[in-house]
């Protein structure tokens, strides 16, 4: 989860603590990222395979 939080921070959708928890703040950041990148195949706020693939492609140095 810390890696996810770092990646979300790198793309400017998360500014919370890097604590390894998938809380409401992280879920909301994932949903924002999905909306910005138009990722319709994963449920809103769920860090599914499509969201992960696209986020990792856009944050290769994390």
N, C-alpha and C. Protein backbone atom coordinates (compact mmCIF):
# COMPACT_ATOMS: atom_id res chain seq x y z
N UNK A 1 0.80 -1.20 0.00
CA UNK A 1 0.00 0.00 0.00
C UNK A 1 0.85 1.27 0.00
N UNK A 2 2.01 1.20 0.60
CA UNK A 2 2.86 2.40 0.59
C UNK A 2 3.27 2.77 -0.83
N UNK A 3 3.55 1.74 -1.63
CA UNK A 3 3.92 2.02 -3.03
C UNK A 3 2.75 2.69 -3.75
N UNK A 4 1.55 2.20 -3.53
CA UNK A 4 0.36 2.81 -4.14
C UNK A 4 0.25 4.27 -3.70
N UNK A 5 0.41 4.53 -2.42
CA UNK A 5 0.32 5.90 -1.93
C UNK A 5 1.41 6.79 -2.56
N UNK A 6 2.60 6.26 -2.71
CA UNK A 6 3.68 7.04 -3.35
C UNK A 6 3.35 7.32 -4.82
N UNK A 7 2.81 6.33 -5.51
CA UNK A 7 2.45 6.54 -6.91
C UNK A 7 1.32 7.57 -7.05
N UNK A 8 0.33 7.48 -6.19
CA UNK A 8 -0.77 8.45 -6.23
C UNK A 8 -0.27 9.86 -5.91
N UNK A 9 0.69 9.96 -5.02
CA UNK A 9 1.30 11.25 -4.70
C UNK A 9 2.03 11.79 -5.93
N UNK A 10 2.73 10.91 -6.64
CA UNK A 10 3.51 11.32 -7.81
C UNK A 10 2.63 11.87 -8.93
N UNK A 11 1.37 11.42 -8.99
CA UNK A 11 0.47 11.92 -10.04
C UNK A 11 -0.51 12.96 -9.50
N UNK A 12 -0.22 13.48 -8.33
CA UNK A 12 -0.93 14.63 -7.75
C UNK A 12 -2.39 14.37 -7.37
N UNK A 13 -2.74 13.14 -7.01
CA UNK A 13 -4.12 12.89 -6.58
C UNK A 13 -4.20 12.53 -5.09
N UNK A 14 -3.06 12.41 -4.42
CA UNK A 14 -3.03 12.04 -3.01
C UNK A 14 -1.99 12.87 -2.30
N UNK A 15 -2.38 13.45 -1.17
CA UNK A 15 -1.41 14.22 -0.38
C UNK A 15 -1.46 13.83 1.09
N UNK A 16 -1.94 12.64 1.35
CA UNK A 16 -2.02 12.15 2.72
C UNK A 16 -0.73 11.49 3.17
N UNK A 17 -0.80 10.86 4.33
CA UNK A 17 0.36 10.17 4.89
C UNK A 17 0.65 8.88 4.14
N UNK A 18 1.93 8.58 4.03
CA UNK A 18 2.36 7.30 3.46
C UNK A 18 2.44 6.32 4.62
N UNK A 19 1.32 5.64 4.88
CA UNK A 19 1.22 4.78 6.06
C UNK A 19 0.84 3.34 5.75
N UNK A 20 0.63 3.03 4.48
CA UNK A 20 0.31 1.65 4.10
C UNK A 20 -1.14 1.26 4.30
N UNK A 21 -2.01 2.20 4.58
CA UNK A 21 -3.42 1.88 4.79
C UNK A 21 -4.26 2.28 3.59
N UNK A 22 -5.17 1.39 3.22
CA UNK A 22 -6.12 1.71 2.14
C UNK A 22 -7.37 2.27 2.80
N UNK A 23 -7.29 3.53 3.15
CA UNK A 23 -8.41 4.17 3.83
C UNK A 23 -9.24 4.98 2.83
N UNK A 24 -10.19 5.71 3.35
CA UNK A 24 -11.10 6.47 2.49
C UNK A 24 -10.35 7.50 1.64
N UNK A 25 -9.32 8.11 2.21
CA UNK A 25 -8.54 9.10 1.47
C UNK A 25 -7.84 8.48 0.26
N UNK A 26 -7.31 7.27 0.43
CA UNK A 26 -6.65 6.57 -0.68
C UNK A 26 -7.70 6.14 -1.70
N UNK A 27 -8.82 5.61 -1.22
CA UNK A 27 -9.89 5.20 -2.13
C UNK A 27 -10.35 6.38 -2.98
N UNK A 28 -10.52 7.54 -2.36
CA UNK A 28 -10.93 8.73 -3.09
C UNK A 28 -9.87 9.15 -4.12
N UNK A 29 -8.60 9.01 -3.76
CA UNK A 29 -7.51 9.35 -4.69
C UNK A 29 -7.52 8.40 -5.88
N UNK A 30 -7.74 7.11 -5.62
CA UNK A 30 -7.82 6.13 -6.71
C UNK A 30 -9.00 6.49 -7.61
N UNK A 31 -10.13 6.83 -7.04
CA UNK A 31 -11.31 7.20 -7.84
C UNK A 31 -11.03 8.44 -8.68
N UNK A 32 -10.34 9.43 -8.11
CA UNK A 32 -9.99 10.63 -8.88
C UNK A 32 -9.09 10.26 -10.05
N UNK A 33 -8.09 9.44 -9.78
CA UNK A 33 -7.17 9.03 -10.84
C UNK A 33 -7.92 8.28 -11.94
N UNK A 34 -8.81 7.39 -11.56
CA UNK A 34 -9.60 6.65 -12.55
C UNK A 34 -10.42 7.61 -13.41
N UNK A 35 -10.98 8.61 -12.79
CA UNK A 35 -11.78 9.59 -13.52
C UNK A 35 -10.90 10.41 -14.47
N UNK A 36 -9.77 10.88 -13.98
CA UNK A 36 -8.87 11.69 -14.81
C UNK A 36 -8.34 10.91 -16.00
N UNK A 37 -8.04 9.62 -15.79
CA UNK A 37 -7.45 8.80 -16.85
C UNK A 37 -8.50 7.99 -17.61
N UNK A 38 -9.74 8.11 -17.24
CA UNK A 38 -10.85 7.36 -17.82
C UNK A 38 -10.53 5.86 -17.83
N UNK A 39 -10.61 5.28 -16.64
CA UNK A 39 -10.38 3.85 -16.45
C UNK A 39 -11.71 3.23 -16.01
N UNK A 40 -12.52 2.79 -16.96
CA UNK A 40 -13.86 2.32 -16.63
C UNK A 40 -13.95 0.84 -16.21
N UNK A 41 -12.88 0.07 -16.40
CA UNK A 41 -12.99 -1.38 -16.19
C UNK A 41 -12.87 -1.82 -14.74
N UNK A 42 -12.32 -0.99 -13.86
CA UNK A 42 -12.26 -1.30 -12.43
C UNK A 42 -13.35 -0.49 -11.73
N UNK A 43 -13.99 -1.05 -10.71
CA UNK A 43 -14.99 -0.27 -9.97
C UNK A 43 -14.37 1.00 -9.38
N UNK A 44 -15.17 2.03 -9.25
CA UNK A 44 -14.70 3.30 -8.74
C UNK A 44 -14.04 3.14 -7.36
N UNK A 45 -12.81 3.64 -7.26
CA UNK A 45 -12.08 3.59 -6.00
C UNK A 45 -11.39 2.28 -5.71
N UNK A 46 -11.53 1.31 -6.61
CA UNK A 46 -10.91 0.00 -6.41
C UNK A 46 -9.61 -0.05 -7.22
N UNK A 47 -8.53 -0.41 -6.55
CA UNK A 47 -7.23 -0.49 -7.20
C UNK A 47 -7.12 -1.85 -7.91
N UNK A 48 -7.83 -1.95 -9.01
CA UNK A 48 -7.88 -3.19 -9.77
C UNK A 48 -6.77 -3.27 -10.80
N UNK A 49 -6.76 -4.32 -11.61
CA UNK A 49 -5.66 -4.56 -12.55
C UNK A 49 -5.48 -3.46 -13.60
N UNK A 50 -6.56 -2.91 -14.11
CA UNK A 50 -6.41 -1.86 -15.13
C UNK A 50 -5.88 -0.56 -14.52
N UNK A 51 -6.41 -0.22 -13.36
CA UNK A 51 -5.92 0.98 -12.68
C UNK A 51 -4.45 0.83 -12.33
N UNK A 52 -4.09 -0.32 -11.82
CA UNK A 52 -2.69 -0.58 -11.46
C UNK A 52 -1.77 -0.47 -12.68
N UNK A 53 -2.16 -1.10 -13.76
CA UNK A 53 -1.33 -1.09 -14.97
C UNK A 53 -1.09 0.33 -15.46
N UNK A 54 -2.15 1.11 -15.53
CA UNK A 54 -2.03 2.49 -16.05
C UNK A 54 -1.23 3.36 -15.07
N UNK A 55 -1.49 3.22 -13.77
CA UNK A 55 -0.74 4.00 -12.80
C UNK A 55 0.75 3.65 -12.83
N UNK A 56 1.07 2.37 -12.93
CA UNK A 56 2.48 1.95 -13.00
C UNK A 56 3.14 2.44 -14.28
N UNK A 57 2.41 2.45 -15.38
CA UNK A 57 2.96 2.98 -16.64
C UNK A 57 3.30 4.46 -16.53
N UNK A 58 2.52 5.18 -15.73
CA UNK A 58 2.69 6.63 -15.58
C UNK A 58 3.61 7.03 -14.44
N UNK A 59 4.06 6.04 -13.66
CA UNK A 59 4.98 6.32 -12.55
C UNK A 59 6.09 5.27 -12.53
N UNK A 60 6.85 5.13 -13.60
CA UNK A 60 7.81 4.04 -13.72
C UNK A 60 8.97 4.11 -12.72
N UNK A 61 9.27 5.28 -12.19
CA UNK A 61 10.44 5.42 -11.32
C UNK A 61 10.15 5.21 -9.84
N UNK A 62 8.93 4.81 -9.51
CA UNK A 62 8.55 4.60 -8.11
C UNK A 62 8.89 3.19 -7.69
